[in-house]
Amino acid sequence: MDFYPIGLETIIIICIKDILHLDENGLEKMGESVVKFSIFIKILMKYFGSLEMIAKEIPKTWKEHYTIGSLKMEEFDDNHAVLIQENFKIHPVYCFIHKGYFKKVAQMVQKTEVNSEETKCVFKGNKYNEFLLTWR
């Protein structure tokens, strides 16, 4: 389970996107599906099933999966969470995949429908990616 270059993963994702003719929604669904099949996420939800605990664990778990960039939960309350992703300018496909991924994790924690929006994007001139997750 050693790290492999992020560029290789990016090429694979772009090939899948092109072969399956995935649009932004398709990429987002792809990100959601990663959560459904991840043993790591199931364990995380079992032991860290609250936003407060997940906020503390996010930076550590990010480093376990990526050798670049960082992720932190900037703020959260009963109705929303804001995730900040810094130094992760690889390819725009990750914006949609991570949007779906974060949405699905929040749905698992909150046990309700979650809306996910990328409010800042490095590919649109911002210094970092910001994801706003909201629920009722």
Protein backbone atom coordinates (compact mmCIF):
# COMPACT_ATOMS: atom_id res chain seq x y z
CA MET A 1 0.00 0.00 0.00
CA ASP A 2 2.89 2.36 -0.71
CA PHE A 3 2.27 5.76 -2.26
CA TYR A 4 2.24 5.99 -6.02
CA PRO A 5 2.63 9.20 -8.00
CA ILE A 6 -0.44 11.42 -8.01
CA GLY A 7 0.18 11.99 -11.72
CA LEU A 8 -0.53 8.32 -12.42
CA GLU A 9 -3.82 8.50 -10.52
CA THR A 10 -4.68 11.68 -12.42
CA ILE A 11 -4.08 10.01 -15.79
CA ILE A 12 -6.28 7.08 -14.77
CA ILE A 13 -9.09 9.40 -13.65
CA ILE A 14 -8.91 11.44 -16.86
CA CYS A 15 -9.01 8.23 -18.93
CA ILE A 16 -12.07 7.00 -17.00
CA LYS A 17 -13.70 10.41 -17.47
CA ASP A 18 -13.07 10.37 -21.22
CA ILE A 19 -14.00 6.72 -21.82
CA LEU A 20 -17.22 6.95 -19.81
CA HIS A 21 -18.00 10.50 -21.01
CA LEU A 22 -18.36 11.75 -17.44
CA ASP A 23 -19.33 15.36 -16.83
CA GLU A 24 -18.94 17.28 -13.56
CA ASN A 25 -21.85 15.38 -11.97
CA GLY A 26 -20.37 12.06 -13.05
CA LEU A 27 -17.03 12.94 -11.47
CA GLU A 28 -18.81 13.99 -8.29
CA LYS A 29 -20.65 10.65 -8.19
CA MET A 30 -17.29 8.94 -8.70
CA GLY A 31 -15.98 10.74 -5.60
CA GLU A 32 -19.06 9.68 -3.64
CA SER A 33 -18.59 6.04 -4.64
CA VAL A 34 -15.04 6.00 -3.25
CA VAL A 35 -16.49 6.61 0.21
CA LYS A 36 -19.00 3.79 -0.11
CA PHE A 37 -16.28 1.21 -0.76
CA SER A 38 -13.53 2.52 1.52
CA ILE A 39 -12.77 0.37 4.55
CA PHE A 40 -10.80 3.32 5.94
CA ILE A 41 -13.88 5.58 5.84
CA LYS A 42 -16.05 2.93 7.49
CA ILE A 43 -13.52 2.65 10.32
CA LEU A 44 -13.25 6.45 10.56
CA MET A 45 -17.04 6.76 10.85
CA LYS A 46 -17.15 4.03 13.49
CA TYR A 47 -14.57 5.63 15.75
CA PHE A 48 -14.74 9.31 14.76
CA GLY A 49 -18.44 9.72 13.98
CA SER A 50 -18.78 13.36 14.97
CA LEU A 51 -17.74 16.49 13.12
CA GLU A 52 -15.61 17.63 16.03
CA MET A 53 -13.59 14.42 16.05
CA ILE A 54 -13.32 14.35 12.25
CA ALA A 55 -12.12 17.97 12.22
CA LYS A 56 -9.22 16.92 14.44
CA GLU A 57 -8.39 13.86 12.33
CA ILE A 58 -8.66 15.38 8.83
CA PRO A 59 -5.11 16.80 8.63
CA LYS A 60 -3.58 13.50 9.75
CA THR A 61 -5.66 11.31 7.46
CA TRP A 62 -4.96 13.58 4.48
CA LYS A 63 -1.23 12.98 4.94
CA GLU A 64 -1.85 9.24 5.01
CA HIS A 65 -3.34 9.41 1.51
CA TYR A 66 -1.47 12.24 -0.21
CA THR A 67 2.14 13.41 -0.13
CA ILE A 68 1.17 16.91 -1.24
CA GLY A 69 -1.27 19.50 -0.02
CA SER A 70 -3.26 19.70 3.17
CA LEU A 71 -6.88 19.59 4.27
CA LYS A 72 -8.51 21.09 7.33
CA MET A 73 -12.02 21.76 8.55
CA GLU A 74 -11.96 25.52 8.97
CA GLU A 75 -15.34 25.77 10.67
CA PHE A 76 -18.37 23.66 11.47
CA ASP A 77 -21.63 23.82 13.38
CA ASP A 78 -25.02 22.09 13.37
CA ASN A 79 -25.80 23.23 9.79
CA HIS A 80 -22.54 23.45 7.86
CA ALA A 81 -18.84 22.72 7.54
CA VAL A 82 -16.12 24.51 5.58
CA LEU A 83 -13.14 22.51 4.31
CA ILE A 84 -9.94 24.20 3.15
CA GLN A 85 -7.63 22.35 0.79
CA GLU A 86 -4.24 24.02 0.30
CA ASN A 87 -1.30 23.34 -2.02
CA PHE A 88 -3.25 20.81 -4.09
CA LYS A 89 -3.29 22.12 -7.66
CA ILE A 90 -3.13 18.91 -9.67
CA HIS A 91 -6.02 18.88 -12.16
CA PRO A 92 -9.61 20.21 -12.14
CA VAL A 93 -11.07 16.68 -12.03
CA TYR A 94 -10.07 16.52 -8.37
CA CYS A 95 -12.31 19.50 -7.61
CA PHE A 96 -15.37 17.46 -8.57
CA ILE A 97 -14.16 14.17 -7.13
CA HIS A 98 -13.32 15.73 -3.77
CA LYS A 99 -16.61 17.64 -3.79
CA GLY A 100 -18.47 14.32 -4.03
CA TYR A 101 -16.15 12.61 -1.56
CA PHE A 102 -16.59 15.28 1.12
CA LYS A 103 -20.34 15.34 0.52
CA LYS A 104 -20.70 11.60 1.06
CA VAL A 105 -18.59 11.62 4.23
CA ALA A 106 -20.75 14.45 5.62
CA GLN A 107 -23.90 12.49 4.75
CA MET A 108 -22.57 9.49 6.64
CA VAL A 109 -21.82 11.62 9.71
CA GLN A 110 -24.96 13.79 9.66
CA LYS A 111 -27.26 11.00 8.44
CA THR A 112 -29.13 13.45 6.22
CA GLU A 113 -28.94 14.92 2.73
CA VAL A 114 -25.94 17.23 2.27
CA ASN A 115 -25.32 19.95 -0.28
CA SER A 116 -21.70 20.35 -1.41
CA GLU A 117 -20.33 23.44 -3.13
CA GLU A 118 -16.81 24.42 -4.11
CA THR A 119 -16.76 28.10 -3.14
CA LYS A 120 -13.10 28.74 -3.98
CA CYS A 121 -10.93 27.00 -6.54
CA VAL A 122 -7.24 27.29 -7.42
CA PHE A 123 -8.18 26.79 -11.08
CA LYS A 124 -10.34 29.92 -10.88
CA GLY A 125 -7.62 32.12 -9.40
CA ASN A 126 -8.05 31.47 -5.69
CA LYS A 127 -5.13 30.59 -3.41
CA TYR A 128 -6.79 27.39 -2.19
CA ASN A 129 -9.87 25.21 -2.67
CA GLU A 130 -12.76 25.73 -0.28
CA PHE A 131 -15.72 23.41 0.03
CA LEU A 132 -18.95 24.39 1.78
CA LEU A 133 -21.08 21.54 3.05
CA THR A 134 -24.59 22.35 4.28
CA TRP A 135 -27.44 20.29 5.71
CA ARG A 136 -30.58 20.73 7.81
